[in-house]
Amino acid sequence: MSKILLREQVIKLRLQGQTYGQIRKQLDVSKSTLSDWLSKLPLTEEQLKVLSQNKKRSLELGREKVREVFRNKRLNRLKQTLDNQMKDLLPLSDKELFLTGAL
């Protein structure tokens, strides 16, 4: 894709209220290039409002992603601890089963 067409697409996406991060993901353009291309682009109040909403949404998604990562790590640690305890404690001997009243 030529630089001119790429730049036109970048400007079009920015006018739609896309953040730098969203544009980078779609078009694989560096942030410094986006900053250079969009530095003098005037935005209307409505475009700034949409951009602000997109930034908030991106922050919320990022926070949720972090929560999910920490949740998965915690669940993996708990599963590993349970597996280790099961290996150490099971199977119960006949004497242990008798003492618990299971036999």
Protein backbone atom coordinates (compact mmCIF):
# COMPACT_ATOMS: atom_id res chain seq x y z
CA MET A 1 0.00 0.00 0.00
CA SER A 2 1.40 3.39 -0.91
CA LYS A 3 2.16 5.91 1.80
CA ILE A 4 -0.36 8.37 0.37
CA LEU A 5 -3.22 5.86 0.50
CA LEU A 6 -2.15 4.73 3.95
CA ARG A 7 -2.06 8.31 5.19
CA GLU A 8 -5.55 8.94 3.75
CA GLN A 9 -6.86 5.88 5.57
CA VAL A 10 -5.24 7.05 8.81
CA ILE A 11 -6.86 10.46 8.51
CA LYS A 12 -10.23 8.90 7.67
CA LEU A 13 -10.09 6.63 10.73
CA ARG A 14 -9.01 9.49 13.00
CA LEU A 15 -11.92 11.64 11.79
CA GLN A 16 -14.21 8.74 12.69
CA GLY A 17 -12.95 9.02 16.27
CA GLN A 18 -10.47 6.15 16.31
CA THR A 19 -7.62 6.34 18.81
CA TYR A 20 -3.96 5.99 17.83
CA GLY A 21 -3.96 2.49 19.30
CA GLN A 22 -6.96 1.40 17.28
CA ILE A 23 -5.47 2.81 14.08
CA ARG A 24 -2.11 1.14 14.82
CA LYS A 25 -3.79 -2.25 15.17
CA GLN A 26 -5.76 -1.90 11.95
CA LEU A 27 -3.08 -0.46 9.69
CA ASP A 28 0.22 -1.44 11.36
CA VAL A 29 1.57 2.12 11.51
CA SER A 30 3.92 3.30 14.24
CA LYS A 31 2.69 5.76 16.83
CA SER A 32 5.34 8.31 15.88
CA THR A 33 4.19 8.21 12.25
CA LEU A 34 0.58 8.66 13.34
CA SER A 35 1.57 11.57 15.54
CA ASP A 36 3.42 13.20 12.65
CA TRP A 37 0.62 12.67 10.14
CA LEU A 38 -2.17 13.75 12.49
CA SER A 39 -0.47 16.59 14.39
CA LYS A 40 -2.14 19.38 12.41
CA LEU A 41 -5.47 17.64 11.84
CA PRO A 42 -8.25 19.79 13.32
CA LEU A 43 -11.06 17.87 14.99
CA THR A 44 -14.60 19.10 15.62
CA GLU A 45 -16.22 19.01 19.05
CA GLU A 46 -18.23 15.94 18.02
CA GLN A 47 -15.09 14.12 16.81
CA LEU A 48 -13.31 14.99 20.06
CA LYS A 49 -16.30 13.64 22.00
CA VAL A 50 -16.25 10.35 20.06
CA LEU A 51 -12.48 10.14 20.52
CA SER A 52 -12.85 10.66 24.27
CA GLN A 53 -15.45 7.90 24.47
CA ASN A 54 -13.17 5.54 22.52
CA LYS A 55 -10.27 6.32 24.86
CA LYS A 56 -12.45 5.53 27.89
CA ARG A 57 -13.62 2.29 26.28
CA SER A 58 -10.01 1.31 25.52
CA LEU A 59 -9.00 1.97 29.12
CA GLU A 60 -11.89 -0.14 30.40
CA LEU A 61 -10.96 -2.99 28.07
CA GLY A 62 -7.35 -2.79 29.20
CA ARG A 63 -8.36 -2.93 32.85
CA GLU A 64 -10.62 -5.90 32.20
CA LYS A 65 -7.79 -7.68 30.39
CA VAL A 66 -5.49 -7.16 33.38
CA ARG A 67 -8.19 -8.47 35.74
CA GLU A 68 -8.62 -11.55 33.58
CA VAL A 69 -4.87 -12.24 33.50
CA PHE A 70 -4.59 -11.97 37.29
CA ARG A 71 -7.70 -14.12 37.74
CA ASN A 72 -6.27 -16.84 35.50
CA LYS A 73 -2.93 -16.75 37.33
CA ARG A 74 -4.72 -17.08 40.67
CA LEU A 75 -6.85 -19.98 39.42
CA ASN A 76 -3.76 -21.74 38.03
CA ARG A 77 -1.95 -21.35 41.36
CA LEU A 78 -4.96 -22.76 43.23
CA LYS A 79 -5.24 -25.69 40.81
CA GLN A 80 -1.55 -26.44 41.14
CA THR A 81 -1.77 -26.31 44.95
CA LEU A 82 -4.78 -28.64 44.90
CA ASP A 83 -3.00 -31.07 42.57
CA ASN A 84 0.09 -31.09 44.80
CA GLN A 85 -2.01 -31.70 47.92
CA MET A 86 -3.92 -34.49 46.21
CA LYS A 87 -0.62 -36.19 45.34
CA ASP A 88 0.61 -35.86 48.92
CA LEU A 89 -2.59 -36.95 50.67
CA LEU A 90 -4.17 -39.53 48.38
CA PRO A 91 -4.73 -42.40 48.24
CA LEU A 92 -5.59 -42.96 51.89
CA SER A 93 -4.35 -46.13 53.49
CA ASP A 94 -6.73 -48.70 55.01
CA LYS A 95 -5.68 -47.53 58.47
CA GLU A 96 -6.54 -43.90 57.64
CA LEU A 97 -9.88 -44.93 56.16
CA PHE A 98 -10.64 -46.99 59.28
CA LEU A 99 -9.79 -44.09 61.56
CA THR A 100 -12.12 -41.78 59.66
CA GLY A 101 -14.95 -44.29 59.89
CA ALA A 102 -15.06 -44.90 56.18
CA LEU A 103 -14.32 -48.65 56.64
